PDB file of N, CA and C in Angstrom:
ATOM      1  N   UNK A   1     105.673  85.214 111.205  1.00  0.00           N
ATOM      2  CA  UNK A   1     104.334  84.935 111.690  1.00  0.00           C
ATOM      3  C   UNK A   1     103.317  85.383 110.629  1.00  0.00           C
ATOM      4  N   UNK A   2     102.401  84.519 110.301  1.00  0.00           N
ATOM      5  CA  UNK A   2     101.371  84.815 109.306  1.00  0.00           C
ATOM      6  C   UNK A   2     100.369  85.815 109.874  1.00  0.00           C
ATOM      7  N   UNK A   3      99.835  86.639 108.996  1.00  0.00           N
ATOM      8  CA  UNK A   3      98.828  87.603 109.412  1.00  0.00           C
ATOM      9  C   UNK A   3      97.490  86.905 109.605  1.00  0.00           C
ATOM     10  N   UNK A   4      96.746  87.373 110.606  1.00  0.00           N
ATOM     11  CA  UNK A   4      95.390  86.901 110.829  1.00  0.00           C
ATOM     12  C   UNK A   4      94.428  87.685 109.948  1.00  0.00           C
ATOM     13  N   UNK A   5      93.136  87.521 110.170  1.00  0.00           N
ATOM     14  CA  UNK A   5      92.136  88.189 109.336  1.00  0.00           C
ATOM     15  C   UNK A   5      92.243  89.718 109.360  1.00  0.00           C
ATOM     16  N   UNK A   6      92.465  90.311 110.520  1.00  0.00           N
ATOM     17  CA  UNK A   6      92.564  91.766 110.596  1.00  0.00           C
ATOM     18  C   UNK A   6      93.839  92.259 109.925  1.00  0.00           C
ATOM     19  N   UNK A   7      94.951  91.603 110.167  1.00  0.00           N
ATOM     20  CA  UNK A   7      96.199  91.987 109.520  1.00  0.00           C
ATOM     21  C   UNK A   7      96.111  91.889 108.009  1.00  0.00           C
ATOM     22  N   UNK A   8      95.465  90.832 107.530  1.00  0.00           N
ATOM     23  CA  UNK A   8      95.267  90.664 106.091  1.00  0.00           C
ATOM     24  C   UNK A   8      94.374  91.766 105.541  1.00  0.00           C
ATOM     25  N   UNK A   9      93.338  92.114 106.284  1.00  0.00           N
ATOM     26  CA  UNK A   9      92.445  93.205 105.885  1.00  0.00           C
ATOM     27  C   UNK A   9      93.217  94.527 105.791  1.00  0.00           C
ATOM     28  N   UNK A  10      94.053  94.800 106.785  1.00  0.00           N
ATOM     29  CA  UNK A  10      94.863  96.027 106.789  1.00  0.00           C
ATOM     30  C   UNK A  10      95.784  96.054 105.565  1.00  0.00           C
ATOM     31  N   UNK A  11      96.447  94.953 105.306  1.00  0.00           N
ATOM     32  CA  UNK A  11      97.362  94.876 104.165  1.00  0.00           C
ATOM     33  C   UNK A  11      96.611  95.090 102.845  1.00  0.00           C
ATOM     34  N   UNK A  12      95.476  94.427 102.694  1.00  0.00           N
ATOM     35  CA  UNK A  12      94.685  94.566 101.473  1.00  0.00           C
ATOM     36  C   UNK A  12      94.184  95.998 101.288  1.00  0.00           C
ATOM     37  N   UNK A  13      93.754  96.614 102.372  1.00  0.00           N
ATOM     38  CA  UNK A  13      93.230  97.980 102.300  1.00  0.00           C
ATOM     39  C   UNK A  13      94.326  98.966 101.916  1.00  0.00           C
ATOM     40  N   UNK A  14      95.493  98.848 102.544  1.00  0.00           N
ATOM     41  CA  UNK A  14      96.603  99.742 102.207  1.00  0.00           C
ATOM     42  C   UNK A  14      97.052  99.529 100.765  1.00  0.00           C
ATOM     43  N   UNK A  15      97.048  98.295 100.295  1.00  0.00           N
ATOM     44  CA  UNK A  15      97.414  98.005  98.905  1.00  0.00           C
ATOM     45  C   UNK A  15      96.428  98.664  97.946  1.00  0.00           C
ATOM     46  N   UNK A  16      95.158  98.589  98.274  1.00  0.00           N
ATOM     47  CA  UNK A  16      94.119  99.165  97.426  1.00  0.00           C
ATOM     48  C   UNK A  16      94.189 100.696  97.411  1.00  0.00           C
ATOM     49  N   UNK A  17      94.380 101.297  98.572  1.00  0.00           N
ATOM     50  CA  UNK A  17      94.363 102.760  98.689  1.00  0.00           C
ATOM     51  C   UNK A  17      95.627 103.401  98.116  1.00  0.00           C
ATOM     52  N   UNK A  18      96.794 102.807  98.390  1.00  0.00           N
ATOM     53  CA  UNK A  18      98.061 103.455  98.042  1.00  0.00           C
ATOM     54  C   UNK A  18      98.805 102.822  96.871  1.00  0.00           C
ATOM     55  N   UNK A  19      98.399 101.659  96.414  1.00  0.00           N
ATOM     56  CA  UNK A  19      99.080 100.954  95.328  1.00  0.00           C
ATOM     57  C   UNK A  19     100.603 101.017  95.506  1.00  0.00           C
ATOM     58  N   UNK A  20     101.083 100.530  96.633  1.00  0.00           N
ATOM     59  CA  UNK A  20     102.504 100.689  96.971  1.00  0.00           C
ATOM     60  C   UNK A  20     103.435  99.771  96.180  1.00  0.00           C
ATOM     61  N   UNK A  21     104.684 100.223  96.074  1.00  0.00           N
ATOM     62  CA  UNK A  21     105.738  99.393  95.498  1.00  0.00           C
ATOM     63  C   UNK A  21     106.248  98.403  96.542  1.00  0.00           C
ATOM     64  N   UNK A  22     106.205  98.819  97.807  1.00  0.00           N
ATOM     65  CA  UNK A  22     106.610  97.972  98.932  1.00  0.00           C
ATOM     66  C   UNK A  22     105.525  98.081 100.001  1.00  0.00           C
ATOM     67  N   UNK A  23     105.113  96.936 100.532  1.00  0.00           N
ATOM     68  CA  UNK A  23     104.145  96.930 101.622  1.00  0.00           C
ATOM     69  C   UNK A  23     104.442  95.732 102.513  1.00  0.00           C
ATOM     70  N   UNK A  24     104.727  96.023 103.764  1.00  0.00           N
ATOM     71  CA  UNK A  24     105.000  94.974 104.741  1.00  0.00           C
ATOM     72  C   UNK A  24     104.180  95.294 105.987  1.00  0.00           C
ATOM     73  N   UNK A  25     103.319  94.379 106.364  1.00  0.00           N
ATOM     74  CA  UNK A  25     102.497  94.531 107.564  1.00  0.00           C
ATOM     75  C   UNK A  25     102.869  93.394 108.507  1.00  0.00           C
ATOM     76  N   UNK A  26     103.279  93.755 109.716  1.00  0.00           N
ATOM     77  CA  UNK A  26     103.709  92.773 110.708  1.00  0.00           C
ATOM     78  C   UNK A  26     102.841  92.910 111.949  1.00  0.00           C
ATOM     79  N   UNK A  27     102.296  91.788 112.397  1.00  0.00           N
ATOM     80  CA  UNK A  27     101.528  91.757 113.644  1.00  0.00           C
ATOM     81  C   UNK A  27     102.519  91.566 114.789  1.00  0.00           C
ATOM     82  N   UNK A  28     102.662  92.602 115.613  1.00  0.00           N
ATOM     83  CA  UNK A  28     103.575  92.559 116.754  1.00  0.00           C
ATOM     84  C   UNK A  28     102.829  92.392 118.072  1.00  0.00           C
ATOM     85  N   UNK A  29     101.607  91.955 118.016  1.00  0.00           N
ATOM     86  CA  UNK A  29     100.770  91.851 119.216  1.00  0.00           C
ATOM     87  C   UNK A  29     101.381  90.950 120.275  1.00  0.00           C
ATOM     88  N   UNK A  30     102.046  89.899 119.844  1.00  0.00           N
ATOM     89  CA  UNK A  30     102.647  88.963 120.806  1.00  0.00           C
ATOM     90  C   UNK A  30     103.703  89.644 121.683  1.00  0.00           C
ATOM     91  N   UNK A  31     104.285  90.732 121.191  1.00  0.00           N
ATOM     92  CA  UNK A  31     105.288  91.477 121.966  1.00  0.00           C
ATOM     93  C   UNK A  31     104.645  92.334 123.058  1.00  0.00           C
ATOM     94  N   UNK A  32     103.337  92.500 122.977  1.00  0.00           N
ATOM     95  CA  UNK A  32     102.625  93.392 123.890  1.00  0.00           C
ATOM     96  C   UNK A  32     101.588  92.659 124.741  1.00  0.00           C
ATOM     97  N   UNK A  33     101.639  91.341 124.751  1.00  0.00           N
ATOM     98  CA  UNK A  33     100.673  90.553 125.515  1.00  0.00           C
ATOM     99  C   UNK A  33     100.674  91.003 126.981  1.00  0.00           C
ATOM    100  N   UNK A  34      99.489  91.248 127.499  1.00  0.00           N
ATOM    101  CA  UNK A  34      99.346  91.663 128.891  1.00  0.00           C
ATOM    102  C   UNK A  34      99.473  93.162 129.110  1.00  0.00           C
ATOM    103  N   UNK A  35      99.894  93.905 128.106  1.00  0.00           N
ATOM    104  CA  UNK A  35     100.016  95.356 128.224  1.00  0.00           C
ATOM    105  C   UNK A  35      98.679  96.023 127.927  1.00  0.00           C
ATOM    106  N   UNK A  36      98.584  97.285 128.271  1.00  0.00           N
ATOM    107  CA  UNK A  36      97.367  98.049 127.991  1.00  0.00           C
ATOM    108  C   UNK A  36      97.079  98.024 126.498  1.00  0.00           C
ATOM    109  N   UNK A  37      95.828  97.807 126.169  1.00  0.00           N
ATOM    110  CA  UNK A  37      95.417  97.813 124.773  1.00  0.00           C
ATOM    111  C   UNK A  37      95.602  96.498 124.051  1.00  0.00           C
ATOM    112  N   UNK A  38      96.263  95.538 124.686  1.00  0.00           N
ATOM    113  CA  UNK A  38      96.439  94.247 124.013  1.00  0.00           C
ATOM    114  C   UNK A  38      95.111  93.499 124.024  1.00  0.00           C
ATOM    115  N   UNK A  39      94.918  92.685 123.031  1.00  0.00           N
ATOM    116  CA  UNK A  39      93.701  91.903 122.905  1.00  0.00           C
ATOM    117  C   UNK A  39      94.070  90.441 123.124  1.00  0.00           C
ATOM    118  N   UNK A  40      93.270  89.698 123.862  1.00  0.00           N
ATOM    119  CA  UNK A  40      93.621  88.296 124.149  1.00  0.00           C
ATOM    120  C   UNK A  40      93.858  87.457 122.895  1.00  0.00           C
ATOM    121  N   UNK A  41      93.180  87.805 121.805  1.00  0.00           N
ATOM    122  CA  UNK A  41      93.324  87.053 120.559  1.00  0.00           C
ATOM    123  C   UNK A  41      94.368  87.656 119.627  1.00  0.00           C
ATOM    124  N   UNK A  42      95.119  88.665 120.093  1.00  0.00           N
ATOM    125  CA  UNK A  42      96.134  89.301 119.253  1.00  0.00           C
ATOM    126  C   UNK A  42      95.531  90.297 118.290  1.00  0.00           C
ATOM    127  N   UNK A  43      96.278  90.606 117.261  1.00  0.00           N
ATOM    128  CA  UNK A  43      95.876  91.549 116.212  1.00  0.00           C
ATOM    129  C   UNK A  43      95.468  92.915 116.780  1.00  0.00           C
ATOM    130  N   UNK A  44      96.302  93.428 117.678  1.00  0.00           N
ATOM    131  CA  UNK A  44      96.046  94.745 118.262  1.00  0.00           C
ATOM    132  C   UNK A  44      97.209  95.710 118.039  1.00  0.00           C
ATOM    133  N   UNK A  45      98.401  95.190 117.720  1.00  0.00           N
ATOM    134  CA  UNK A  45      99.598  96.005 117.528  1.00  0.00           C
ATOM    135  C   UNK A  45     100.253  95.624 116.199  1.00  0.00           C
ATOM    136  N   UNK A  46     100.385  96.605 115.309  1.00  0.00           N
ATOM    137  CA  UNK A  46     100.941  96.336 113.991  1.00  0.00           C
ATOM    138  C   UNK A  46     102.065  97.298 113.651  1.00  0.00           C
ATOM    139  N   UNK A  47     102.966  96.834 112.788  1.00  0.00           N
ATOM    140  CA  UNK A  47     104.032  97.657 112.214  1.00  0.00           C
ATOM    141  C   UNK A  47     103.864  97.600 110.701  1.00  0.00           C
ATOM    142  N   UNK A  48     103.865  98.784 110.069  1.00  0.00           N
ATOM    143  CA  UNK A  48     103.659  98.884 108.629  1.00  0.00           C
ATOM    144  C   UNK A  48     104.843  99.601 107.986  1.00  0.00           C
ATOM    145  N   UNK A  49     105.372  98.995 106.933  1.00  0.00           N
ATOM    146  CA  UNK A  49     106.350  99.668 106.070  1.00  0.00           C
ATOM    147  C   UNK A  49     105.692  99.771 104.711  1.00  0.00           C
ATOM    148  N   UNK A  50     105.575 101.000 104.208  1.00  0.00           N
ATOM    149  CA  UNK A  50     104.901 101.225 102.941  1.00  0.00           C
ATOM    150  C   UNK A  50     105.667 102.258 102.127  1.00  0.00           C
ATOM    151  N   UNK A  51     105.910 101.925 100.868  1.00  0.00           N
ATOM    152  CA  UNK A  51     106.575 102.823  99.932  1.00  0.00           C
ATOM    153  C   UNK A  51     105.617 103.028  98.768  1.00  0.00           C
ATOM    154  N   UNK A  52     105.203 104.277  98.566  1.00  0.00           N
ATOM    155  CA  UNK A  52     104.208 104.563  97.540  1.00  0.00           C
ATOM    156  C   UNK A  52     104.430 105.955  96.946  1.00  0.00           C
ATOM    157  N   UNK A  53     104.113 106.081  95.665  1.00  0.00           N
ATOM    158  CA  UNK A  53     104.157 107.393  95.004  1.00  0.00           C
ATOM    159  C   UNK A  53     103.201 108.375  95.673  1.00  0.00           C
ATOM    160  N   UNK A  54     102.197 107.876  96.357  1.00  0.00           N
ATOM    161  CA  UNK A  54     101.221 108.737  97.026  1.00  0.00           C
ATOM    162  C   UNK A  54     101.879 109.636  98.069  1.00  0.00           C
ATOM    163  N   UNK A  55     103.056 109.243  98.543  1.00  0.00           N
ATOM    164  CA  UNK A  55     103.742 110.016  99.579  1.00  0.00           C
ATOM    165  C   UNK A  55     104.781 110.983  99.006  1.00  0.00           C
ATOM    166  N   UNK A  56     104.926 111.023  97.686  1.00  0.00           N
ATOM    167  CA  UNK A  56     105.900 111.921  97.052  1.00  0.00           C
ATOM    168  C   UNK A  56     105.570 113.370  97.405  1.00  0.00           C
ATOM    169  N   UNK A  57     106.561 114.086  97.886  1.00  0.00           N
ATOM    170  CA  UNK A  57     106.393 115.488  98.241  1.00  0.00           C
ATOM    171  C   UNK A  57     105.686 115.712  99.565  1.00  0.00           C
ATOM    172  N   UNK A  58     105.343 114.654 100.250  1.00  0.00           N
ATOM    173  CA  UNK A  58     104.658 114.775 101.543  1.00  0.00           C
ATOM    174  C   UNK A  58     105.669 114.714 102.683  1.00  0.00           C
ATOM    175  N   UNK A  59     105.378 115.433 103.744  1.00  0.00           N
ATOM    176  CA  UNK A  59     106.203 115.336 104.945  1.00  0.00           C
ATOM    177  C   UNK A  59     105.932 113.994 105.615  1.00  0.00           C
ATOM    178  N   UNK A  60     106.805 113.612 106.512  1.00  0.00           N
ATOM    179  CA  UNK A  60     106.619 112.366 107.259  1.00  0.00           C
ATOM    180  C   UNK A  60     105.287 112.396 108.005  1.00  0.00           C
ATOM    181  N   UNK A  61     104.977 113.528 108.606  1.00  0.00           N
ATOM    182  CA  UNK A  61     103.724 113.681 109.339  1.00  0.00           C
ATOM    183  C   UNK A  61     102.527 113.524 108.413  1.00  0.00           C
ATOM    184  N   UNK A  62     102.578 114.139 107.239  1.00  0.00           N
ATOM    185  CA  UNK A  62     101.470 114.019 106.291  1.00  0.00           C
ATOM    186  C   UNK A  62     101.290 112.579 105.823  1.00  0.00           C
ATOM    187  N   UNK A  63     102.391 111.873 105.573  1.00  0.00           N
ATOM    188  CA  UNK A  63     102.312 110.470 105.150  1.00  0.00           C
ATOM    189  C   UNK A  63     101.675 109.618 106.249  1.00  0.00           C
ATOM    190  N   UNK A  64     102.055 109.861 107.490  1.00  0.00           N
ATOM    191  CA  UNK A  64     101.471 109.124 108.614  1.00  0.00           C
ATOM    192  C   UNK A  64      99.980 109.425 108.726  1.00  0.00           C
ATOM    193  N   UNK A  65      99.616 110.674 108.541  1.00  0.00           N
ATOM    194  CA  UNK A  65      98.200 111.045 108.600  1.00  0.00           C
ATOM    195  C   UNK A  65      97.405 110.335 107.506  1.00  0.00           C
ATOM    196  N   UNK A  66      97.985 110.220 106.325  1.00  0.00           N
ATOM    197  CA  UNK A  66      97.318 109.538 105.215  1.00  0.00           C
ATOM    198  C   UNK A  66      97.053 108.062 105.557  1.00  0.00           C
ATOM    199  N   UNK A  67      98.040 107.405 106.139  1.00  0.00           N
ATOM    200  CA  UNK A  67      97.870 106.000 106.527  1.00  0.00           C
ATOM    201  C   UNK A  67      96.840 105.891 107.644  1.00  0.00           C
ATOM    202  N   UNK A  68      96.935 106.759 108.633  1.00  0.00           N
ATOM    203  CA  UNK A  68      95.964 106.737 109.737  1.00  0.00           C
ATOM    204  C   UNK A  68      94.546 106.990 109.230  1.00  0.00           C
ATOM    205  N   UNK A  69      94.404 107.887 108.268  1.00  0.00           N
ATOM    206  CA  UNK A  69      93.083 108.168 107.701  1.00  0.00           C
ATOM    207  C   UNK A  69      92.541 106.948 106.957  1.00  0.00           C
ATOM    208  N   UNK A  70      93.406 106.281 106.209  1.00  0.00           N
ATOM    209  CA  UNK A  70      92.981 105.091 105.467  1.00  0.00           C
ATOM    210  C   UNK A  70      92.525 103.984 106.414  1.00  0.00           C
ATOM    211  N   UNK A  71      93.122 103.924 107.594  1.00  0.00           N
ATOM    212  CA  UNK A  71      92.809 102.868 108.562  1.00  0.00           C
ATOM    213  C   UNK A  71      91.996 103.386 109.755  1.00  0.00           C
ATOM    214  N   UNK A  72      91.276 104.471 109.561  1.00  0.00           N
ATOM    215  CA  UNK A  72      90.538 105.107 110.660  1.00  0.00           C
ATOM    216  C   UNK A  72      89.580 104.141 111.351  1.00  0.00           C
ATOM    217  N   UNK A  73      88.836 103.362 110.588  1.00  0.00           N
ATOM    218  CA  UNK A  73      87.874 102.431 111.188  1.00  0.00           C
ATOM    219  C   UNK A  73      88.577 101.375 112.027  1.00  0.00           C
ATOM    220  N   UNK A  74      89.684 100.848 111.512  1.00  0.00           N
ATOM    221  CA  UNK A  74      90.423  99.817 112.230  1.00  0.00           C
ATOM    222  C   UNK A  74      91.040 100.368 113.517  1.00  0.00           C
ATOM    223  N   UNK A  75      91.482 101.619 113.471  1.00  0.00           N
ATOM    224  CA  UNK A  75      92.077 102.251 114.643  1.00  0.00           C
ATOM    225  C   UNK A  75      91.033 102.582 115.708  1.00  0.00           C
ATOM    226  N   UNK A  76      89.789 102.728 115.293  1.00  0.00           N
ATOM    227  CA  UNK A  76      88.714 102.997 116.245  1.00  0.00           C
ATOM    228  C   UNK A  76      88.258 101.731 116.954  1.00  0.00           C
ATOM    229  N   UNK A  77      88.567 100.599 116.379  1.00  0.00           N
ATOM    230  CA  UNK A  77      88.088  99.351 116.968  1.00  0.00           C
ATOM    231  C   UNK A  77      89.226  98.594 117.635  1.00  0.00           C
ATOM    232  N   UNK A  78      89.726  97.577 117.019  1.00  0.00           N
ATOM    233  CA  UNK A  78      90.632  96.646 117.686  1.00  0.00           C
ATOM    234  C   UNK A  78      92.097  97.056 117.678  1.00  0.00           C
ATOM    235  N   UNK A  79      92.526  97.825 116.694  1.00  0.00           N
ATOM    236  CA  UNK A  79      93.949  98.177 116.594  1.00  0.00           C
ATOM    237  C   UNK A  79      94.282  99.215 117.657  1.00  0.00           C
ATOM    238  N   UNK A  80      95.189  98.847 118.532  1.00  0.00           N
ATOM    239  CA  UNK A  80      95.597  99.722 119.627  1.00  0.00           C
ATOM    240  C   UNK A  80      96.831 100.540 119.246  1.00  0.00           C
ATOM    241  N   UNK A  81      97.736  99.939 118.485  1.00  0.00           N
ATOM    242  CA  UNK A  81      98.990 100.617 118.131  1.00  0.00           C
ATOM    243  C   UNK A  81      99.362 100.301 116.689  1.00  0.00           C
ATOM    244  N   UNK A  82      99.838 101.338 115.987  1.00  0.00           N
ATOM    245  CA  UNK A  82     100.249 101.191 114.599  1.00  0.00           C
ATOM    246  C   UNK A  82     101.540 101.977 114.403  1.00  0.00           C
ATOM    247  N   UNK A  83     102.640 101.256 114.221  1.00  0.00           N
ATOM    248  CA  UNK A  83     103.930 101.889 113.926  1.00  0.00           C
ATOM    249  C   UNK A  83     104.026 101.995 112.409  1.00  0.00           C
ATOM    250  N   UNK A  84     104.337 103.189 111.911  1.00  0.00           N
ATOM    251  CA  UNK A  84     104.308 103.440 110.467  1.00  0.00           C
ATOM    252  C   UNK A  84     105.664 103.920 109.980  1.00  0.00           C
ATOM    253  N   UNK A  85     106.132 103.295 108.918  1.00  0.00           N
ATOM    254  CA  UNK A  85     107.288 103.770 108.159  1.00  0.00           C
ATOM    255  C   UNK A  85     106.779 103.957 106.747  1.00  0.00           C
ATOM    256  N   UNK A  86     106.464 105.201 106.384  1.00  0.00           N
ATOM    257  CA  UNK A  86     105.882 105.509 105.071  1.00  0.00           C
ATOM    258  C   UNK A  86     106.804 106.452 104.316  1.00  0.00           C
ATOM    259  N   UNK A  87     107.045 106.122 103.045  1.00  0.00           N
ATOM    260  CA  UNK A  87     107.914 106.966 102.228  1.00  0.00           C
ATOM    261  C   UNK A  87     107.573 106.812 100.761  1.00  0.00           C
ATOM    262  N   UNK A  88     108.082 107.758  99.968  1.00  0.00           N
ATOM    263  CA  UNK A  88     107.964 107.681  98.516  1.00  0.00           C
ATOM    264  C   UNK A  88     109.151 106.868  98.005  1.00  0.00           C
ATOM    265  N   UNK A  89     109.035 106.286  96.818  1.00  0.00           N
ATOM    266  CA  UNK A  89     110.164 105.547  96.247  1.00  0.00           C
ATOM    267  C   UNK A  89     111.359 106.470  96.029  1.00  0.00           C
ATOM    268  N   UNK A  90     112.540 105.915  96.222  1.00  0.00           N
ATOM    269  CA  UNK A  90     113.769 106.670  95.954  1.00  0.00           C
ATOM    270  C   UNK A  90     113.987 106.720  94.449  1.00  0.00           C
ATOM    271  N   UNK A  91     114.366 107.877  93.958  1.00  0.00           N
ATOM    272  CA  UNK A  91     114.600 107.990  92.508  1.00  0.00           C
ATOM    273  C   UNK A  91     116.057 108.015  92.175  1.00  0.00           C
TER     274      UNK A  91
END
């Protein structure tokens, strides 16, 4: 499924902030239609996989906090749920 405007914005922002080696943003809103926090037009539930040097030496919690901080504005508005898989590159 192609990303809509918000999903594309999220992907572009994470790419700019973290310069990741791997970045995958998936809109899973269709899986949550009718549930609390879902938006009739979608783009409310996302899954992110990001691999970046920015997470080197960081705990899983710290990496999640970094992503949440980068997307703070989006999380305050339309994004209801964000599943994050963040890690540093394997050496």
